[in-house]
Amino acid sequence: MSNQVFQNFLQNLERDGFSVEQLAAISAYETRASSAGLYQIICSVLTEEDLQDIESIQDDDQAMKRIEQLFEQRAGVSVEVAMQQIQEVLRKTQSYTKK
């Protein structure tokens, strides 16, 4: 989800009475879960040839750009859009309770 949407999400939780510690834990969980989900999706759409192409790139920034290009070609959406979709699903399926 975009930074602004995520900030609004956290502000709503804060307004609902969640503590700073709880907000930090929620933020960490959302980041880990969405990153893991994105990694799984990327791995499922890239081919063996794509992976070999990426591994041959020495520069990390260039390799990341290539991953994003190949992902968009294969999945039909950008990495950013895929991440937003994953985070929306997380927010809809995960309920947070104050302790």
N, C-alpha and C. Protein backbone atom coordinates (compact mmCIF):
# COMPACT_ATOMS: atom_id res chain seq x y z
N MET A 1 0.86 -1.16 0.00
CA MET A 1 0.00 0.00 0.00
C MET A 1 0.89 1.21 0.00
N SER A 2 0.41 2.29 -0.54
CA SER A 2 1.25 3.47 -0.59
C SER A 2 1.56 3.94 0.82
N ASN A 3 2.62 4.71 0.95
CA ASN A 3 3.00 5.21 2.26
C ASN A 3 1.88 5.99 2.92
N GLN A 4 1.17 6.82 2.14
CA GLN A 4 0.09 7.62 2.70
C GLN A 4 -1.05 6.73 3.19
N VAL A 5 -1.42 5.73 2.41
CA VAL A 5 -2.48 4.81 2.82
C VAL A 5 -2.07 4.07 4.08
N PHE A 6 -0.81 3.63 4.14
CA PHE A 6 -0.34 2.91 5.32
C PHE A 6 -0.30 3.83 6.54
N GLN A 7 0.12 5.07 6.34
CA GLN A 7 0.12 6.04 7.45
C GLN A 7 -1.31 6.27 7.96
N ASN A 8 -2.26 6.38 7.05
CA ASN A 8 -3.66 6.55 7.46
C ASN A 8 -4.15 5.34 8.24
N PHE A 9 -3.77 4.16 7.78
CA PHE A 9 -4.13 2.92 8.46
C PHE A 9 -3.60 2.93 9.90
N LEU A 10 -2.32 3.29 10.06
CA LEU A 10 -1.74 3.34 11.40
C LEU A 10 -2.37 4.44 12.25
N GLN A 11 -2.67 5.58 11.64
CA GLN A 11 -3.31 6.67 12.39
C GLN A 11 -4.69 6.26 12.88
N ASN A 12 -5.41 5.51 12.06
CA ASN A 12 -6.72 5.01 12.50
C ASN A 12 -6.58 4.07 13.68
N LEU A 13 -5.58 3.20 13.64
CA LEU A 13 -5.35 2.30 14.77
C LEU A 13 -4.96 3.09 16.02
N GLU A 14 -4.14 4.11 15.84
CA GLU A 14 -3.74 4.95 16.97
C GLU A 14 -4.95 5.66 17.56
N ARG A 15 -5.81 6.17 16.70
CA ARG A 15 -7.02 6.83 17.15
C ARG A 15 -7.93 5.85 17.90
N ASP A 16 -7.88 4.58 17.51
CA ASP A 16 -8.67 3.55 18.18
C ASP A 16 -8.06 3.10 19.50
N GLY A 17 -6.91 3.70 19.87
CA GLY A 17 -6.34 3.42 21.18
C GLY A 17 -5.16 2.46 21.20
N PHE A 18 -4.62 2.10 20.06
CA PHE A 18 -3.46 1.22 20.05
C PHE A 18 -2.22 1.99 20.52
N SER A 19 -1.39 1.32 21.28
CA SER A 19 -0.18 1.96 21.81
C SER A 19 0.91 2.04 20.74
N VAL A 20 1.93 2.83 21.03
CA VAL A 20 3.05 2.96 20.11
C VAL A 20 3.71 1.61 19.89
N GLU A 21 3.84 0.83 20.95
CA GLU A 21 4.45 -0.50 20.84
C GLU A 21 3.62 -1.42 19.95
N GLN A 22 2.30 -1.35 20.11
CA GLN A 22 1.42 -2.17 19.28
C GLN A 22 1.49 -1.74 17.82
N LEU A 23 1.53 -0.44 17.59
CA LEU A 23 1.64 0.07 16.23
C LEU A 23 2.95 -0.38 15.58
N ALA A 24 4.02 -0.37 16.35
CA ALA A 24 5.32 -0.83 15.83
C ALA A 24 5.25 -2.31 15.47
N ALA A 25 4.62 -3.10 16.32
CA ALA A 25 4.50 -4.54 16.05
C ALA A 25 3.63 -4.80 14.82
N ILE A 26 2.54 -4.05 14.69
CA ILE A 26 1.67 -4.19 13.53
C ILE A 26 2.41 -3.80 12.27
N SER A 27 3.13 -2.71 12.32
CA SER A 27 3.90 -2.24 11.17
C SER A 27 4.94 -3.28 10.75
N ALA A 28 5.64 -3.84 11.73
CA ALA A 28 6.65 -4.86 11.43
C ALA A 28 5.99 -6.11 10.82
N TYR A 29 4.87 -6.53 11.38
CA TYR A 29 4.16 -7.69 10.85
C TYR A 29 3.73 -7.44 9.40
N GLU A 30 3.11 -6.28 9.16
CA GLU A 30 2.62 -5.95 7.81
C GLU A 30 3.78 -5.95 6.81
N THR A 31 4.91 -5.40 7.22
CA THR A 31 6.07 -5.34 6.33
C THR A 31 6.59 -6.74 6.01
N ARG A 32 6.75 -7.56 7.05
CA ARG A 32 7.24 -8.94 6.84
C ARG A 32 6.28 -9.75 5.99
N ALA A 33 5.01 -9.69 6.32
CA ALA A 33 4.01 -10.50 5.62
C ALA A 33 3.87 -10.08 4.16
N SER A 34 3.84 -8.79 3.92
CA SER A 34 3.68 -8.33 2.54
C SER A 34 4.94 -8.61 1.72
N SER A 35 6.11 -8.49 2.34
CA SER A 35 7.36 -8.79 1.63
C SER A 35 7.44 -10.28 1.29
N ALA A 36 7.05 -11.12 2.22
CA ALA A 36 7.06 -12.56 1.97
C ALA A 36 6.07 -12.93 0.88
N GLY A 37 4.91 -12.31 0.91
CA GLY A 37 3.91 -12.56 -0.12
C GLY A 37 4.39 -12.13 -1.50
N LEU A 38 5.01 -10.97 -1.56
CA LEU A 38 5.53 -10.48 -2.83
C LEU A 38 6.63 -11.39 -3.35
N TYR A 39 7.52 -11.83 -2.47
CA TYR A 39 8.60 -12.74 -2.86
C TYR A 39 8.02 -14.02 -3.47
N GLN A 40 6.99 -14.56 -2.84
CA GLN A 40 6.37 -15.79 -3.35
C GLN A 40 5.77 -15.57 -4.73
N ILE A 41 5.12 -14.43 -4.91
CA ILE A 41 4.50 -14.14 -6.22
C ILE A 41 5.57 -13.96 -7.29
N ILE A 42 6.62 -13.23 -6.96
CA ILE A 42 7.70 -13.02 -7.93
C ILE A 42 8.30 -14.36 -8.34
N CYS A 43 8.58 -15.20 -7.36
CA CYS A 43 9.16 -16.51 -7.66
C CYS A 43 8.23 -17.38 -8.51
N SER A 44 6.95 -17.20 -8.33
CA SER A 44 6.01 -18.04 -9.08
C SER A 44 5.83 -17.58 -10.53
N VAL A 45 6.13 -16.32 -10.84
CA VAL A 45 5.92 -15.84 -12.21
C VAL A 45 7.19 -15.79 -13.04
N LEU A 46 8.35 -15.72 -12.41
CA LEU A 46 9.59 -15.67 -13.17
C LEU A 46 10.00 -17.07 -13.61
N THR A 47 10.52 -17.14 -14.82
CA THR A 47 10.96 -18.42 -15.37
C THR A 47 12.41 -18.71 -14.96
N GLU A 48 12.84 -19.91 -15.24
CA GLU A 48 14.23 -20.29 -14.97
C GLU A 48 15.18 -19.40 -15.77
N GLU A 49 14.81 -19.10 -17.01
CA GLU A 49 15.62 -18.21 -17.84
C GLU A 49 15.68 -16.80 -17.25
N ASP A 50 14.55 -16.33 -16.72
CA ASP A 50 14.52 -15.02 -16.07
C ASP A 50 15.50 -14.98 -14.90
N LEU A 51 15.48 -16.02 -14.09
CA LEU A 51 16.35 -16.07 -12.92
C LEU A 51 17.82 -16.09 -13.33
N GLN A 52 18.14 -16.82 -14.38
CA GLN A 52 19.53 -16.85 -14.88
C GLN A 52 19.94 -15.47 -15.39
N ASP A 53 19.02 -14.80 -16.08
CA ASP A 53 19.28 -13.45 -16.57
C ASP A 53 19.57 -12.52 -15.38
N ILE A 54 18.75 -12.59 -14.36
CA ILE A 54 18.92 -11.73 -13.18
C ILE A 54 20.23 -12.03 -12.47
N GLU A 55 20.55 -13.31 -12.31
CA GLU A 55 21.78 -13.70 -11.61
C GLU A 55 23.03 -13.24 -12.34
N SER A 56 22.93 -13.03 -13.64
CA SER A 56 24.11 -12.60 -14.41
C SER A 56 24.40 -11.11 -14.24
N ILE A 57 23.50 -10.38 -13.65
CA ILE A 57 23.67 -8.94 -13.47
C ILE A 57 24.47 -8.69 -12.19
N GLN A 58 25.59 -8.01 -12.31
CA GLN A 58 26.48 -7.79 -11.16
C GLN A 58 25.98 -6.69 -10.22
N ASP A 59 25.40 -5.65 -10.76
CA ASP A 59 24.96 -4.51 -9.96
C ASP A 59 23.59 -4.80 -9.34
N ASP A 60 23.48 -4.68 -8.01
CA ASP A 60 22.23 -4.99 -7.32
C ASP A 60 21.07 -4.11 -7.76
N ASP A 61 21.32 -2.83 -7.97
CA ASP A 61 20.25 -1.93 -8.40
C ASP A 61 19.74 -2.30 -9.79
N GLN A 62 20.66 -2.65 -10.67
CA GLN A 62 20.28 -3.07 -12.03
C GLN A 62 19.52 -4.41 -11.98
N ALA A 63 19.94 -5.30 -11.10
CA ALA A 63 19.25 -6.58 -10.95
C ALA A 63 17.82 -6.36 -10.45
N MET A 64 17.65 -5.44 -9.50
CA MET A 64 16.32 -5.15 -8.98
C MET A 64 15.43 -4.55 -10.07
N LYS A 65 16.00 -3.66 -10.88
CA LYS A 65 15.23 -3.08 -11.98
C LYS A 65 14.81 -4.17 -12.97
N ARG A 66 15.69 -5.11 -13.22
CA ARG A 66 15.38 -6.21 -14.14
C ARG A 66 14.28 -7.10 -13.57
N ILE A 67 14.33 -7.36 -12.28
CA ILE A 67 13.27 -8.14 -11.63
C ILE A 67 11.93 -7.44 -11.82
N GLU A 68 11.92 -6.13 -11.58
CA GLU A 68 10.68 -5.37 -11.72
C GLU A 68 10.16 -5.40 -13.16
N GLN A 69 11.08 -5.27 -14.13
CA GLN A 69 10.67 -5.31 -15.54
C GLN A 69 10.08 -6.67 -15.90
N LEU A 70 10.79 -7.73 -15.53
CA LEU A 70 10.33 -9.08 -15.86
C LEU A 70 9.03 -9.41 -15.15
N PHE A 71 8.92 -8.99 -13.89
CA PHE A 71 7.69 -9.24 -13.14
C PHE A 71 6.50 -8.58 -13.83
N GLU A 72 6.67 -7.32 -14.22
CA GLU A 72 5.57 -6.62 -14.88
C GLU A 72 5.20 -7.29 -16.20
N GLN A 73 6.20 -7.75 -16.96
CA GLN A 73 5.92 -8.46 -18.21
C GLN A 73 5.14 -9.74 -17.96
N ARG A 74 5.53 -10.49 -16.93
CA ARG A 74 4.91 -11.79 -16.67
C ARG A 74 3.57 -11.68 -15.95
N ALA A 75 3.49 -10.77 -14.97
CA ALA A 75 2.29 -10.67 -14.13
C ALA A 75 1.26 -9.68 -14.65
N GLY A 76 1.71 -8.73 -15.47
CA GLY A 76 0.78 -7.74 -16.00
C GLY A 76 0.51 -6.58 -15.06
N VAL A 77 1.20 -6.56 -13.93
CA VAL A 77 1.10 -5.44 -12.98
C VAL A 77 2.50 -5.14 -12.47
N SER A 78 2.69 -3.92 -11.99
CA SER A 78 3.99 -3.56 -11.44
C SER A 78 4.17 -4.19 -10.06
N VAL A 79 5.41 -4.22 -9.60
CA VAL A 79 5.71 -4.71 -8.26
C VAL A 79 4.97 -3.87 -7.23
N GLU A 80 4.94 -2.56 -7.44
CA GLU A 80 4.26 -1.67 -6.49
C GLU A 80 2.77 -2.00 -6.39
N VAL A 81 2.12 -2.22 -7.52
CA VAL A 81 0.69 -2.56 -7.51
C VAL A 81 0.48 -3.91 -6.83
N ALA A 82 1.34 -4.87 -7.11
CA ALA A 82 1.22 -6.18 -6.47
C ALA A 82 1.37 -6.05 -4.96
N MET A 83 2.32 -5.23 -4.51
CA MET A 83 2.52 -5.03 -3.07
C MET A 83 1.28 -4.37 -2.46
N GLN A 84 0.71 -3.41 -3.13
CA GLN A 84 -0.50 -2.75 -2.62
C GLN A 84 -1.63 -3.76 -2.49
N GLN A 85 -1.79 -4.63 -3.48
CA GLN A 85 -2.84 -5.64 -3.44
C GLN A 85 -2.64 -6.61 -2.28
N ILE A 86 -1.41 -7.01 -2.06
CA ILE A 86 -1.10 -7.91 -0.94
C ILE A 86 -1.44 -7.23 0.38
N GLN A 87 -1.03 -6.00 0.52
CA GLN A 87 -1.27 -5.28 1.77
C GLN A 87 -2.76 -5.03 2.00
N GLU A 88 -3.52 -4.79 0.95
CA GLU A 88 -4.97 -4.64 1.11
C GLU A 88 -5.59 -5.93 1.62
N VAL A 89 -5.15 -7.05 1.07
CA VAL A 89 -5.67 -8.34 1.53
C VAL A 89 -5.30 -8.56 3.00
N LEU A 90 -4.07 -8.24 3.37
CA LEU A 90 -3.66 -8.39 4.76
C LEU A 90 -4.55 -7.57 5.69
N ARG A 91 -4.80 -6.32 5.32
CA ARG A 91 -5.62 -5.47 6.17
C ARG A 91 -7.04 -5.99 6.29
N LYS A 92 -7.56 -6.61 5.22
CA LYS A 92 -8.93 -7.12 5.24
C LYS A 92 -9.04 -8.43 6.01
N THR A 93 -7.98 -9.21 6.02
CA THR A 93 -8.05 -10.53 6.63
C THR A 93 -7.47 -10.59 8.03
N GLN A 94 -6.68 -9.60 8.40
CA GLN A 94 -6.04 -9.59 9.71
C GLN A 94 -6.82 -8.65 10.62
N SER A 95 -7.25 -9.14 11.76
CA SER A 95 -7.90 -8.23 12.71
C SER A 95 -6.93 -7.98 13.85
N TYR A 96 -6.84 -6.75 14.24
CA TYR A 96 -5.95 -6.35 15.31
C TYR A 96 -6.77 -5.98 16.53
N THR A 97 -6.33 -6.49 17.67
CA THR A 97 -7.02 -6.19 18.91
C THR A 97 -6.07 -5.54 19.89
N LYS A 98 -6.60 -4.61 20.65
CA LYS A 98 -5.78 -3.95 21.68
C LYS A 98 -5.58 -4.91 22.83
N LYS A 99 -4.41 -4.82 23.44
CA LYS A 99 -4.14 -5.68 24.60
C LYS A 99 -4.27 -4.88 25.87
